[in-house]
Amino acid sequence: RIIAKISRKISNLDAIEVIEEATYSVIRVYIAKDDKIIDVMFRTLPEDFPKSEPLLRKAIESIKFQE
């Protein structure tokens, strides 16, 4: 089940962040680069998500692409 869908910028590229919940809690980011879509996924046990979320968001913010 999708909890949230957020438009954002990653490394100055258009992206969509999706938070899902099932057996695992998942943060998935779809990044548009040139004519490709890059899919980055982080997953954790639902009970660990609250303490893991800040680290996962920090990892998302650290994504960089070379020009």
N, C-alpha and C. Protein backbone atom coordinates (compact mmCIF):
# COMPACT_ATOMS: atom_id res chain seq x y z
N ARG A 1 0.85 -1.17 0.00
CA ARG A 1 0.00 0.00 0.00
C ARG A 1 0.90 1.22 0.00
N ILE A 2 0.56 2.20 -0.83
CA ILE A 2 1.34 3.44 -0.92
C ILE A 2 0.90 4.39 0.19
N ILE A 3 1.88 4.82 0.98
CA ILE A 3 1.62 5.75 2.09
C ILE A 3 1.73 7.20 1.61
N ALA A 4 2.75 7.48 0.77
CA ALA A 4 2.96 8.85 0.29
C ALA A 4 3.67 8.83 -1.05
N LYS A 5 3.40 9.86 -1.85
CA LYS A 5 4.08 10.05 -3.13
C LYS A 5 4.43 11.54 -3.19
N ILE A 6 5.74 11.83 -3.33
CA ILE A 6 6.22 13.21 -3.23
C ILE A 6 7.10 13.54 -4.42
N SER A 7 6.79 14.64 -5.12
CA SER A 7 7.67 15.13 -6.18
C SER A 7 8.81 15.88 -5.52
N ARG A 8 10.04 15.70 -6.05
CA ARG A 8 11.20 16.36 -5.46
C ARG A 8 12.32 16.46 -6.47
N LYS A 9 13.40 17.08 -6.08
CA LYS A 9 14.61 17.17 -6.90
C LYS A 9 15.70 16.37 -6.19
N ILE A 10 16.46 15.60 -6.98
CA ILE A 10 17.63 14.88 -6.48
C ILE A 10 18.76 15.18 -7.43
N SER A 11 19.84 15.73 -6.89
CA SER A 11 20.98 16.13 -7.72
C SER A 11 20.49 17.00 -8.89
N ASN A 12 19.53 17.88 -8.57
CA ASN A 12 18.93 18.82 -9.52
C ASN A 12 18.14 18.14 -10.65
N LEU A 13 17.77 16.87 -10.48
CA LEU A 13 16.96 16.15 -11.45
C LEU A 13 15.56 15.93 -10.88
N ASP A 14 14.55 15.89 -11.75
CA ASP A 14 13.18 15.61 -11.31
C ASP A 14 13.11 14.18 -10.78
N ALA A 15 12.42 14.00 -9.67
CA ALA A 15 12.28 12.68 -9.06
C ALA A 15 10.93 12.57 -8.38
N ILE A 16 10.50 11.34 -8.13
CA ILE A 16 9.30 11.06 -7.35
C ILE A 16 9.70 10.09 -6.25
N GLU A 17 9.38 10.44 -5.02
CA GLU A 17 9.63 9.57 -3.87
C GLU A 17 8.32 8.90 -3.49
N VAL A 18 8.36 7.58 -3.32
CA VAL A 18 7.18 6.81 -2.95
C VAL A 18 7.49 6.05 -1.67
N ILE A 19 6.61 6.18 -0.68
CA ILE A 19 6.74 5.41 0.56
C ILE A 19 5.65 4.35 0.55
N GLU A 20 6.08 3.09 0.66
CA GLU A 20 5.15 1.96 0.62
C GLU A 20 5.24 1.18 1.92
N GLU A 21 4.16 0.48 2.24
CA GLU A 21 4.15 -0.36 3.43
C GLU A 21 3.52 -1.70 3.08
N ALA A 22 4.22 -2.77 3.39
CA ALA A 22 3.72 -4.13 3.20
C ALA A 22 4.47 -4.98 4.22
N THR A 23 5.09 -6.06 3.77
CA THR A 23 5.93 -6.85 4.67
C THR A 23 7.09 -5.99 5.16
N TYR A 24 7.56 -5.10 4.29
CA TYR A 24 8.61 -4.15 4.61
C TYR A 24 8.08 -2.75 4.42
N SER A 25 8.68 -1.78 5.11
CA SER A 25 8.46 -0.38 4.80
C SER A 25 9.50 -0.01 3.76
N VAL A 26 9.07 0.65 2.71
CA VAL A 26 9.94 0.93 1.57
C VAL A 26 9.90 2.41 1.23
N ILE A 27 11.07 3.00 1.03
CA ILE A 27 11.16 4.31 0.39
C ILE A 27 11.80 4.05 -0.96
N ARG A 28 11.10 4.46 -2.00
CA ARG A 28 11.57 4.24 -3.36
C ARG A 28 11.60 5.58 -4.07
N VAL A 29 12.68 5.84 -4.78
CA VAL A 29 12.84 7.11 -5.48
C VAL A 29 13.03 6.81 -6.97
N TYR A 30 12.21 7.44 -7.81
CA TYR A 30 12.34 7.34 -9.26
C TYR A 30 12.92 8.67 -9.74
N ILE A 31 14.09 8.61 -10.37
CA ILE A 31 14.79 9.82 -10.79
C ILE A 31 14.84 9.85 -12.32
N ALA A 32 14.40 10.95 -12.91
CA ALA A 32 14.46 11.11 -14.37
C ALA A 32 15.80 11.71 -14.75
N LYS A 33 16.58 10.98 -15.56
CA LYS A 33 17.87 11.48 -16.05
C LYS A 33 17.96 11.18 -17.53
N ASP A 34 18.08 12.25 -18.31
CA ASP A 34 18.10 12.14 -19.77
C ASP A 34 16.84 11.37 -20.21
N ASP A 35 16.99 10.28 -20.91
CA ASP A 35 15.82 9.51 -21.36
C ASP A 35 15.63 8.24 -20.54
N LYS A 36 16.16 8.23 -19.32
CA LYS A 36 16.09 7.05 -18.45
C LYS A 36 15.40 7.39 -17.13
N ILE A 37 14.88 6.36 -16.49
CA ILE A 37 14.36 6.47 -15.12
C ILE A 37 15.25 5.59 -14.24
N ILE A 38 15.80 6.18 -13.20
CA ILE A 38 16.65 5.46 -12.25
C ILE A 38 15.79 5.16 -11.03
N ASP A 39 15.77 3.91 -10.62
CA ASP A 39 14.96 3.44 -9.50
C ASP A 39 15.89 3.08 -8.34
N VAL A 40 15.75 3.81 -7.21
CA VAL A 40 16.55 3.55 -6.02
C VAL A 40 15.57 3.14 -4.92
N MET A 41 15.85 2.01 -4.26
CA MET A 41 14.92 1.51 -3.25
C MET A 41 15.65 1.21 -1.94
N PHE A 42 15.04 1.62 -0.84
CA PHE A 42 15.50 1.31 0.50
C PHE A 42 14.36 0.60 1.22
N ARG A 43 14.65 -0.49 1.91
CA ARG A 43 13.58 -1.16 2.65
C ARG A 43 14.06 -1.55 4.04
N THR A 44 13.10 -1.58 4.96
CA THR A 44 13.39 -1.92 6.34
C THR A 44 12.15 -2.58 6.94
N LEU A 45 12.31 -3.26 8.03
CA LEU A 45 11.16 -3.82 8.72
C LEU A 45 10.29 -2.67 9.23
N PRO A 46 8.97 -2.82 9.18
CA PRO A 46 8.09 -1.72 9.60
C PRO A 46 8.39 -1.20 11.01
N GLU A 47 8.74 -2.09 11.92
CA GLU A 47 9.02 -1.64 13.29
C GLU A 47 10.34 -0.87 13.39
N ASP A 48 11.23 -1.03 12.40
CA ASP A 48 12.51 -0.31 12.39
C ASP A 48 12.43 1.00 11.60
N PHE A 49 11.34 1.20 10.84
CA PHE A 49 11.26 2.36 9.96
C PHE A 49 11.40 3.70 10.68
N PRO A 50 10.73 3.91 11.81
CA PRO A 50 10.86 5.23 12.46
C PRO A 50 12.31 5.59 12.80
N LYS A 51 13.10 4.66 13.25
CA LYS A 51 14.49 4.99 13.58
C LYS A 51 15.39 4.99 12.34
N SER A 52 15.00 4.27 11.29
CA SER A 52 15.81 4.20 10.07
C SER A 52 15.51 5.33 9.09
N GLU A 53 14.32 5.89 9.15
CA GLU A 53 13.91 6.88 8.15
C GLU A 53 14.89 8.05 8.04
N PRO A 54 15.36 8.65 9.13
CA PRO A 54 16.31 9.77 8.97
C PRO A 54 17.59 9.36 8.22
N LEU A 55 18.08 8.16 8.46
CA LEU A 55 19.28 7.69 7.76
C LEU A 55 18.98 7.43 6.29
N LEU A 56 17.81 6.89 5.99
CA LEU A 56 17.44 6.64 4.60
C LEU A 56 17.29 7.97 3.85
N ARG A 57 16.69 8.96 4.49
CA ARG A 57 16.55 10.26 3.85
C ARG A 57 17.91 10.91 3.62
N LYS A 58 18.83 10.73 4.55
CA LYS A 58 20.19 11.25 4.38
C LYS A 58 20.87 10.56 3.19
N ALA A 59 20.65 9.27 3.04
CA ALA A 59 21.21 8.53 1.90
C ALA A 59 20.62 9.05 0.59
N ILE A 60 19.32 9.32 0.56
CA ILE A 60 18.69 9.86 -0.64
C ILE A 60 19.30 11.22 -0.99
N GLU A 61 19.49 12.07 0.01
CA GLU A 61 20.06 13.39 -0.23
C GLU A 61 21.50 13.30 -0.72
N SER A 62 22.19 12.21 -0.45
CA SER A 62 23.60 12.08 -0.86
C SER A 62 23.76 11.59 -2.31
N ILE A 63 22.66 11.24 -2.97
CA ILE A 63 22.75 10.76 -4.35
C ILE A 63 23.20 11.89 -5.26
N LYS A 64 24.27 11.65 -6.00
CA LYS A 64 24.82 12.63 -6.94
C LYS A 64 25.08 11.96 -8.28
N PHE A 65 24.94 12.71 -9.35
CA PHE A 65 25.20 12.21 -10.70
C PHE A 65 26.23 13.09 -11.37
N GLN A 66 27.10 12.48 -12.12
CA GLN A 66 28.05 13.25 -12.90
C GLN A 66 27.37 13.75 -14.16
N GLU A 67 27.77 14.91 -14.58
CA GLU A 67 27.19 15.51 -15.80
C GLU A 67 27.80 14.87 -17.03
